[in-house]
Amino acid sequence: MASIARVNGTPANGSFYGYQPVVVKIAANASVFTADSVNGTTKVITEGGYSQAVRAVQQVGSVIILGARDADYFTAVFDGATLNNGPGGTTSGTFGALKDALDSEVGGATWTITTSTVLNGAGTFTYA
């Protein structure tokens, strides 16, 4: 059962109340996690690869925190109880469902998915 984080007896703001946080690093072999763009004339927003990837990861589990993005990777923290880390419809193995979702939404890359449960100093993680 989940516990309640408290500060001076009051539930703490910004606390994680899920059962098991799972830190997942999503990396691509190409620079596909681009920013959104806005047309200067029409003001229409065109989604970049990062927004598309966020939509993809939301299909396989409840995202608690999104890390900052780079052109070829980003990190997401999932509630482990909701995370589908199994095979997908076309991709077998661990995180196959996530790789299928990324292929569908973003495409154009080979995906490397790693997890971490080890928090190092200064807010950094060690990935398996």
N, C-alpha and C. Protein backbone atom coordinates (compact mmCIF):
# COMPACT_ATOMS: atom_id res chain seq x y z
N MET A 1 0.83 -1.17 0.00
CA MET A 1 0.00 0.00 0.00
C MET A 1 0.88 1.24 0.00
N ALA A 2 0.44 2.25 -0.69
CA ALA A 2 1.21 3.50 -0.78
C ALA A 2 1.17 4.25 0.54
N SER A 3 2.25 4.92 0.85
CA SER A 3 2.29 5.73 2.06
C SER A 3 2.05 7.20 1.70
N ILE A 4 1.84 8.01 2.69
CA ILE A 4 1.61 9.44 2.48
C ILE A 4 2.84 10.19 2.97
N ALA A 5 3.46 10.94 2.09
CA ALA A 5 4.60 11.78 2.49
C ALA A 5 4.06 12.98 3.25
N ARG A 6 4.65 13.26 4.41
CA ARG A 6 4.15 14.37 5.24
C ARG A 6 5.28 15.30 5.63
N VAL A 7 4.93 16.57 5.75
CA VAL A 7 5.84 17.58 6.28
C VAL A 7 5.10 18.24 7.44
N ASN A 8 5.65 18.14 8.64
CA ASN A 8 5.00 18.66 9.85
C ASN A 8 3.57 18.16 9.99
N GLY A 9 3.36 16.87 9.64
CA GLY A 9 2.06 16.25 9.82
C GLY A 9 1.07 16.48 8.69
N THR A 10 1.42 17.27 7.70
CA THR A 10 0.52 17.58 6.58
C THR A 10 1.02 16.88 5.32
N PRO A 11 0.12 16.30 4.51
CA PRO A 11 0.58 15.69 3.26
C PRO A 11 1.40 16.69 2.43
N ALA A 12 2.55 16.23 1.94
CA ALA A 12 3.49 17.10 1.24
C ALA A 12 3.07 17.34 -0.21
N ASN A 13 3.20 18.59 -0.65
CA ASN A 13 2.95 18.92 -2.05
C ASN A 13 4.00 18.27 -2.93
N GLY A 14 3.61 17.87 -4.12
CA GLY A 14 4.55 17.34 -5.09
C GLY A 14 5.06 15.94 -4.76
N SER A 15 4.44 15.26 -3.84
CA SER A 15 4.89 13.92 -3.48
C SER A 15 4.32 12.89 -4.43
N PHE A 16 5.02 11.78 -4.57
CA PHE A 16 4.57 10.68 -5.41
C PHE A 16 3.72 9.75 -4.56
N TYR A 17 2.48 9.50 -4.99
CA TYR A 17 1.57 8.66 -4.23
C TYR A 17 1.26 7.35 -4.93
N GLY A 18 2.02 7.00 -5.95
CA GLY A 18 1.83 5.72 -6.62
C GLY A 18 2.51 4.62 -5.85
N TYR A 19 2.45 3.44 -6.39
CA TYR A 19 3.00 2.29 -5.69
C TYR A 19 4.49 2.10 -5.96
N GLN A 20 4.91 2.24 -7.21
CA GLN A 20 6.29 1.95 -7.54
C GLN A 20 6.76 2.84 -8.69
N PRO A 21 7.51 3.89 -8.42
CA PRO A 21 8.00 4.71 -9.52
C PRO A 21 9.06 3.96 -10.32
N VAL A 22 8.92 3.97 -11.64
CA VAL A 22 9.89 3.33 -12.53
C VAL A 22 10.45 4.40 -13.46
N VAL A 23 11.76 4.61 -13.40
CA VAL A 23 12.43 5.61 -14.23
C VAL A 23 12.83 4.93 -15.54
N VAL A 24 12.36 5.49 -16.66
CA VAL A 24 12.60 4.90 -17.97
C VAL A 24 13.28 5.94 -18.87
N LYS A 25 14.42 5.55 -19.44
CA LYS A 25 15.11 6.40 -20.40
C LYS A 25 14.76 5.89 -21.80
N ILE A 26 14.23 6.79 -22.62
CA ILE A 26 13.81 6.46 -23.98
C ILE A 26 14.79 7.14 -24.92
N ALA A 27 15.56 6.33 -25.64
CA ALA A 27 16.59 6.88 -26.53
C ALA A 27 16.34 6.42 -27.96
N ALA A 28 16.72 7.29 -28.90
CA ALA A 28 16.59 7.00 -30.32
C ALA A 28 17.96 7.08 -30.96
N ASN A 29 18.14 6.36 -32.07
CA ASN A 29 19.41 6.42 -32.78
C ASN A 29 19.47 7.59 -33.76
N ALA A 30 18.46 8.44 -33.71
CA ALA A 30 18.40 9.63 -34.57
C ALA A 30 17.83 10.78 -33.76
N SER A 31 18.02 11.99 -34.21
CA SER A 31 17.53 13.17 -33.49
C SER A 31 16.06 13.43 -33.84
N VAL A 32 15.18 12.62 -33.22
CA VAL A 32 13.76 12.70 -33.56
C VAL A 32 12.92 13.47 -32.54
N PHE A 33 13.47 13.76 -31.36
CA PHE A 33 12.69 14.43 -30.32
C PHE A 33 12.80 15.93 -30.47
N THR A 34 12.28 16.43 -31.55
CA THR A 34 12.35 17.85 -31.88
C THR A 34 11.25 18.63 -31.16
N ALA A 35 11.43 19.93 -31.05
CA ALA A 35 10.45 20.81 -30.41
C ALA A 35 9.30 21.10 -31.37
N ASP A 36 8.19 21.54 -30.80
CA ASP A 36 7.07 22.01 -31.62
C ASP A 36 7.50 23.28 -32.35
N SER A 37 6.81 23.57 -33.44
CA SER A 37 7.10 24.79 -34.18
C SER A 37 5.80 25.55 -34.43
N VAL A 38 5.93 26.86 -34.61
CA VAL A 38 4.77 27.72 -34.86
C VAL A 38 5.00 28.45 -36.17
N ASN A 39 4.01 28.37 -37.06
CA ASN A 39 4.07 29.09 -38.33
C ASN A 39 3.95 30.58 -38.03
N GLY A 40 4.90 31.37 -38.51
CA GLY A 40 4.91 32.80 -38.23
C GLY A 40 3.72 33.55 -38.79
N THR A 41 3.15 33.06 -39.88
CA THR A 41 2.01 33.75 -40.51
C THR A 41 0.68 33.27 -39.97
N THR A 42 0.47 31.95 -39.97
CA THR A 42 -0.83 31.40 -39.58
C THR A 42 -0.95 31.12 -38.10
N LYS A 43 0.17 31.09 -37.39
CA LYS A 43 0.25 30.78 -35.95
C LYS A 43 -0.19 29.35 -35.64
N VAL A 44 -0.18 28.48 -36.63
CA VAL A 44 -0.53 27.09 -36.43
C VAL A 44 0.66 26.37 -35.78
N ILE A 45 0.38 25.60 -34.74
CA ILE A 45 1.41 24.84 -34.05
C ILE A 45 1.54 23.47 -34.71
N THR A 46 2.74 23.11 -35.07
CA THR A 46 3.03 21.78 -35.61
C THR A 46 3.79 21.01 -34.55
N GLU A 47 3.25 19.87 -34.19
CA GLU A 47 3.91 19.06 -33.16
C GLU A 47 5.25 18.53 -33.65
N GLY A 48 6.22 18.62 -32.76
CA GLY A 48 7.52 18.03 -33.03
C GLY A 48 7.56 16.61 -32.51
N GLY A 49 8.68 15.95 -32.69
CA GLY A 49 8.82 14.57 -32.28
C GLY A 49 8.69 14.34 -30.79
N TYR A 50 9.09 15.33 -29.98
CA TYR A 50 8.98 15.17 -28.52
C TYR A 50 7.52 15.09 -28.09
N SER A 51 6.67 15.97 -28.60
CA SER A 51 5.25 15.93 -28.26
C SER A 51 4.63 14.61 -28.71
N GLN A 52 5.02 14.15 -29.88
CA GLN A 52 4.51 12.87 -30.37
C GLN A 52 4.98 11.72 -29.49
N ALA A 53 6.22 11.78 -29.03
CA ALA A 53 6.75 10.73 -28.16
C ALA A 53 6.05 10.73 -26.81
N VAL A 54 5.75 11.90 -26.27
CA VAL A 54 5.03 11.98 -25.00
C VAL A 54 3.67 11.32 -25.13
N ARG A 55 2.98 11.58 -26.24
CA ARG A 55 1.68 10.94 -26.48
C ARG A 55 1.85 9.42 -26.53
N ALA A 56 2.95 8.95 -27.13
CA ALA A 56 3.20 7.51 -27.22
C ALA A 56 3.42 6.89 -25.85
N VAL A 57 4.24 7.52 -25.00
CA VAL A 57 4.51 6.93 -23.69
C VAL A 57 3.27 6.94 -22.81
N GLN A 58 2.37 7.89 -23.02
CA GLN A 58 1.14 7.92 -22.23
C GLN A 58 0.22 6.75 -22.57
N GLN A 59 0.45 6.09 -23.68
CA GLN A 59 -0.36 4.94 -24.06
C GLN A 59 0.01 3.67 -23.30
N VAL A 60 1.20 3.65 -22.70
CA VAL A 60 1.65 2.41 -22.05
C VAL A 60 1.73 2.51 -20.53
N GLY A 61 1.42 3.67 -19.96
CA GLY A 61 1.44 3.78 -18.51
C GLY A 61 1.18 5.20 -18.05
N SER A 62 0.91 5.34 -16.76
CA SER A 62 0.68 6.66 -16.17
C SER A 62 2.01 7.35 -15.93
N VAL A 63 2.22 8.46 -16.62
CA VAL A 63 3.46 9.21 -16.50
C VAL A 63 3.36 10.14 -15.29
N ILE A 64 4.31 10.03 -14.38
CA ILE A 64 4.33 10.86 -13.18
C ILE A 64 5.16 12.12 -13.43
N ILE A 65 6.33 11.95 -14.04
CA ILE A 65 7.24 13.08 -14.30
C ILE A 65 7.86 12.88 -15.67
N LEU A 66 7.95 13.95 -16.44
CA LEU A 66 8.72 13.94 -17.68
C LEU A 66 10.01 14.70 -17.45
N GLY A 67 11.12 14.10 -17.84
CA GLY A 67 12.40 14.78 -17.75
C GLY A 67 12.60 15.70 -18.94
N ALA A 68 13.63 16.50 -18.87
CA ALA A 68 13.97 17.37 -19.99
C ALA A 68 14.34 16.52 -21.19
N ARG A 69 14.09 17.04 -22.38
CA ARG A 69 14.38 16.28 -23.59
C ARG A 69 15.71 16.71 -24.19
N ASP A 70 16.29 15.79 -24.89
CA ASP A 70 17.45 16.06 -25.75
C ASP A 70 16.98 15.66 -27.14
N ALA A 71 17.78 15.89 -28.14
CA ALA A 71 17.39 15.56 -29.51
C ALA A 71 17.20 14.05 -29.70
N ASP A 72 17.91 13.24 -28.89
CA ASP A 72 17.82 11.81 -29.11
C ASP A 72 17.46 10.99 -27.86
N TYR A 73 17.06 11.63 -26.77
CA TYR A 73 16.57 10.88 -25.62
C TYR A 73 15.79 11.78 -24.67
N PHE A 74 14.96 11.15 -23.83
CA PHE A 74 14.33 11.82 -22.69
C PHE A 74 14.01 10.74 -21.66
N THR A 75 13.67 11.20 -20.47
CA THR A 75 13.37 10.30 -19.37
C THR A 75 11.96 10.54 -18.88
N ALA A 76 11.27 9.46 -18.54
CA ALA A 76 9.93 9.56 -17.98
C ALA A 76 9.88 8.67 -16.73
N VAL A 77 9.16 9.13 -15.72
CA VAL A 77 8.93 8.32 -14.53
C VAL A 77 7.47 7.87 -14.58
N PHE A 78 7.28 6.55 -14.56
CA PHE A 78 5.96 5.94 -14.61
C PHE A 78 5.56 5.41 -13.25
N ASP A 79 4.24 5.28 -13.03
CA ASP A 79 3.74 4.51 -11.90
C ASP A 79 3.85 3.05 -12.35
N GLY A 80 4.72 2.29 -11.69
CA GLY A 80 4.99 0.92 -12.11
C GLY A 80 3.77 0.03 -12.18
N ALA A 81 2.75 0.31 -11.37
CA ALA A 81 1.55 -0.51 -11.39
C ALA A 81 0.77 -0.37 -12.70
N THR A 82 0.98 0.72 -13.42
CA THR A 82 0.25 0.95 -14.66
C THR A 82 1.09 0.71 -15.91
N LEU A 83 2.39 0.48 -15.76
CA LEU A 83 3.30 0.41 -16.89
C LEU A 83 3.22 -0.93 -17.61
N ASN A 84 2.92 -0.89 -18.91
CA ASN A 84 2.95 -2.08 -19.74
C ASN A 84 4.35 -2.19 -20.33
N ASN A 85 5.19 -2.98 -19.72
CA ASN A 85 6.56 -3.12 -20.21
C ASN A 85 6.76 -4.43 -20.96
N GLY A 86 5.66 -5.01 -21.43
CA GLY A 86 5.71 -6.27 -22.15
C GLY A 86 5.76 -6.08 -23.66
N PRO A 87 5.59 -7.18 -24.39
CA PRO A 87 5.66 -7.12 -25.85
C PRO A 87 4.48 -6.36 -26.43
N GLY A 88 4.69 -5.84 -27.64
CA GLY A 88 3.63 -5.14 -28.36
C GLY A 88 3.05 -6.02 -29.45
N GLY A 89 2.23 -5.42 -30.27
CA GLY A 89 1.60 -6.15 -31.37
C GLY A 89 2.60 -6.62 -32.41
N THR A 90 3.64 -5.84 -32.65
CA THR A 90 4.64 -6.21 -33.66
C THR A 90 6.04 -6.37 -33.09
N THR A 91 6.31 -5.81 -31.93
CA THR A 91 7.65 -5.89 -31.34
C THR A 91 7.61 -6.78 -30.11
N SER A 92 8.43 -7.81 -30.10
CA SER A 92 8.47 -8.73 -28.97
C SER A 92 9.43 -8.21 -27.91
N GLY A 93 9.41 -8.86 -26.78
CA GLY A 93 10.36 -8.56 -25.72
C GLY A 93 9.91 -7.44 -24.80
N THR A 94 10.79 -7.16 -23.84
CA THR A 94 10.52 -6.13 -22.86
C THR A 94 10.40 -4.77 -23.54
N PHE A 95 9.39 -4.02 -23.16
CA PHE A 95 9.08 -2.69 -23.70
C PHE A 95 8.71 -2.72 -25.18
N GLY A 96 8.30 -3.87 -25.69
CA GLY A 96 7.83 -3.95 -27.08
C GLY A 96 6.62 -3.07 -27.33
N ALA A 97 5.70 -2.99 -26.36
CA ALA A 97 4.51 -2.14 -26.51
C ALA A 97 4.90 -0.67 -26.62
N LEU A 98 5.88 -0.24 -25.83
CA LEU A 98 6.35 1.15 -25.89
C LEU A 98 7.03 1.42 -27.23
N LYS A 99 7.86 0.49 -27.69
CA LYS A 99 8.52 0.67 -28.98
C LYS A 99 7.51 0.74 -30.12
N ASP A 100 6.45 -0.08 -30.05
CA ASP A 100 5.40 -0.02 -31.07
C ASP A 100 4.69 1.33 -31.04
N ALA A 101 4.40 1.84 -29.83
CA ALA A 101 3.74 3.14 -29.71
C ALA A 101 4.63 4.25 -30.27
N LEU A 102 5.93 4.19 -29.98
CA LEU A 102 6.86 5.20 -30.51
C LEU A 102 6.95 5.11 -32.04
N ASP A 103 6.99 3.89 -32.57
CA ASP A 103 7.01 3.72 -34.03
C ASP A 103 5.78 4.34 -34.66
N SER A 104 4.63 4.13 -34.02
CA SER A 104 3.37 4.65 -34.56
C SER A 104 3.29 6.17 -34.51
N GLU A 105 3.72 6.76 -33.41
CA GLU A 105 3.59 8.21 -33.22
C GLU A 105 4.74 9.00 -33.83
N VAL A 106 5.98 8.51 -33.66
CA VAL A 106 7.16 9.28 -34.06
C VAL A 106 7.80 8.67 -35.31
N GLY A 107 8.11 7.37 -35.24
CA GLY A 107 8.77 6.68 -36.35
C GLY A 107 10.17 7.20 -36.59
N GLY A 108 10.83 6.64 -37.59
CA GLY A 108 12.11 7.15 -38.03
C GLY A 108 13.30 6.88 -37.15
N ALA A 109 13.20 5.88 -36.23
CA ALA A 109 14.32 5.62 -35.33
C ALA A 109 14.31 4.19 -34.85
N THR A 110 15.42 3.77 -34.31
CA THR A 110 15.53 2.52 -33.57
C THR A 110 15.57 2.91 -32.10
N TRP A 111 14.78 2.24 -31.28
CA TRP A 111 14.59 2.66 -29.88
C TRP A 111 15.42 1.82 -28.92
N THR A 112 15.99 2.47 -27.94
CA THR A 112 16.66 1.81 -26.83
C THR A 112 15.98 2.26 -25.55
N ILE A 113 15.40 1.31 -24.83
CA ILE A 113 14.66 1.62 -23.61
C ILE A 113 15.42 1.01 -22.44
N THR A 114 15.78 1.82 -21.46
CA THR A 114 16.47 1.34 -20.27
C THR A 114 15.75 1.85 -19.03
N THR A 115 15.90 1.12 -17.94
CA THR A 115 15.24 1.51 -16.70
C THR A 115 16.26 1.71 -15.60
N SER A 116 15.83 2.41 -14.56
CA SER A 116 16.69 2.64 -13.41
C SER A 116 15.86 2.67 -12.15
N THR A 117 16.39 2.10 -11.11
CA THR A 117 15.79 2.25 -9.79
C THR A 117 16.83 2.78 -8.82
N VAL A 118 18.04 3.08 -9.32
CA VAL A 118 19.14 3.54 -8.47
C VAL A 118 19.31 5.04 -8.62
N LEU A 119 19.09 5.78 -7.57
CA LEU A 119 19.29 7.23 -7.57
C LEU A 119 20.68 7.52 -7.02
N ASN A 120 21.50 8.11 -7.85
CA ASN A 120 22.84 8.54 -7.42
C ASN A 120 22.75 9.91 -6.80
N GLY A 121 23.87 10.47 -6.40
CA GLY A 121 23.88 11.83 -5.88
C GLY A 121 23.56 12.84 -6.96
N ALA A 122 23.19 14.02 -6.58
CA ALA A 122 22.91 15.15 -7.47
C ALA A 122 21.78 14.85 -8.44
N GLY A 123 20.84 13.97 -8.07
CA GLY A 123 19.66 13.72 -8.90
C GLY A 123 19.93 12.95 -10.17
N THR A 124 21.01 12.19 -10.25
CA THR A 124 21.29 11.40 -11.44
C THR A 124 20.96 9.94 -11.18
N PHE A 125 20.67 9.20 -12.27
CA PHE A 125 20.30 7.80 -12.16
C PHE A 125 21.30 6.91 -12.88
N THR A 126 21.40 5.67 -12.45
CA THR A 126 22.16 4.64 -13.16
C THR A 126 21.16 3.78 -13.90
N TYR A 127 21.34 3.66 -15.23
CA TYR A 127 20.41 2.87 -16.04
C TYR A 127 20.98 1.50 -16.31
N ALA A 128 20.11 0.51 -16.31
CA ALA A 128 20.52 -0.88 -16.57
C ALA A 128 20.90 -1.07 -18.02
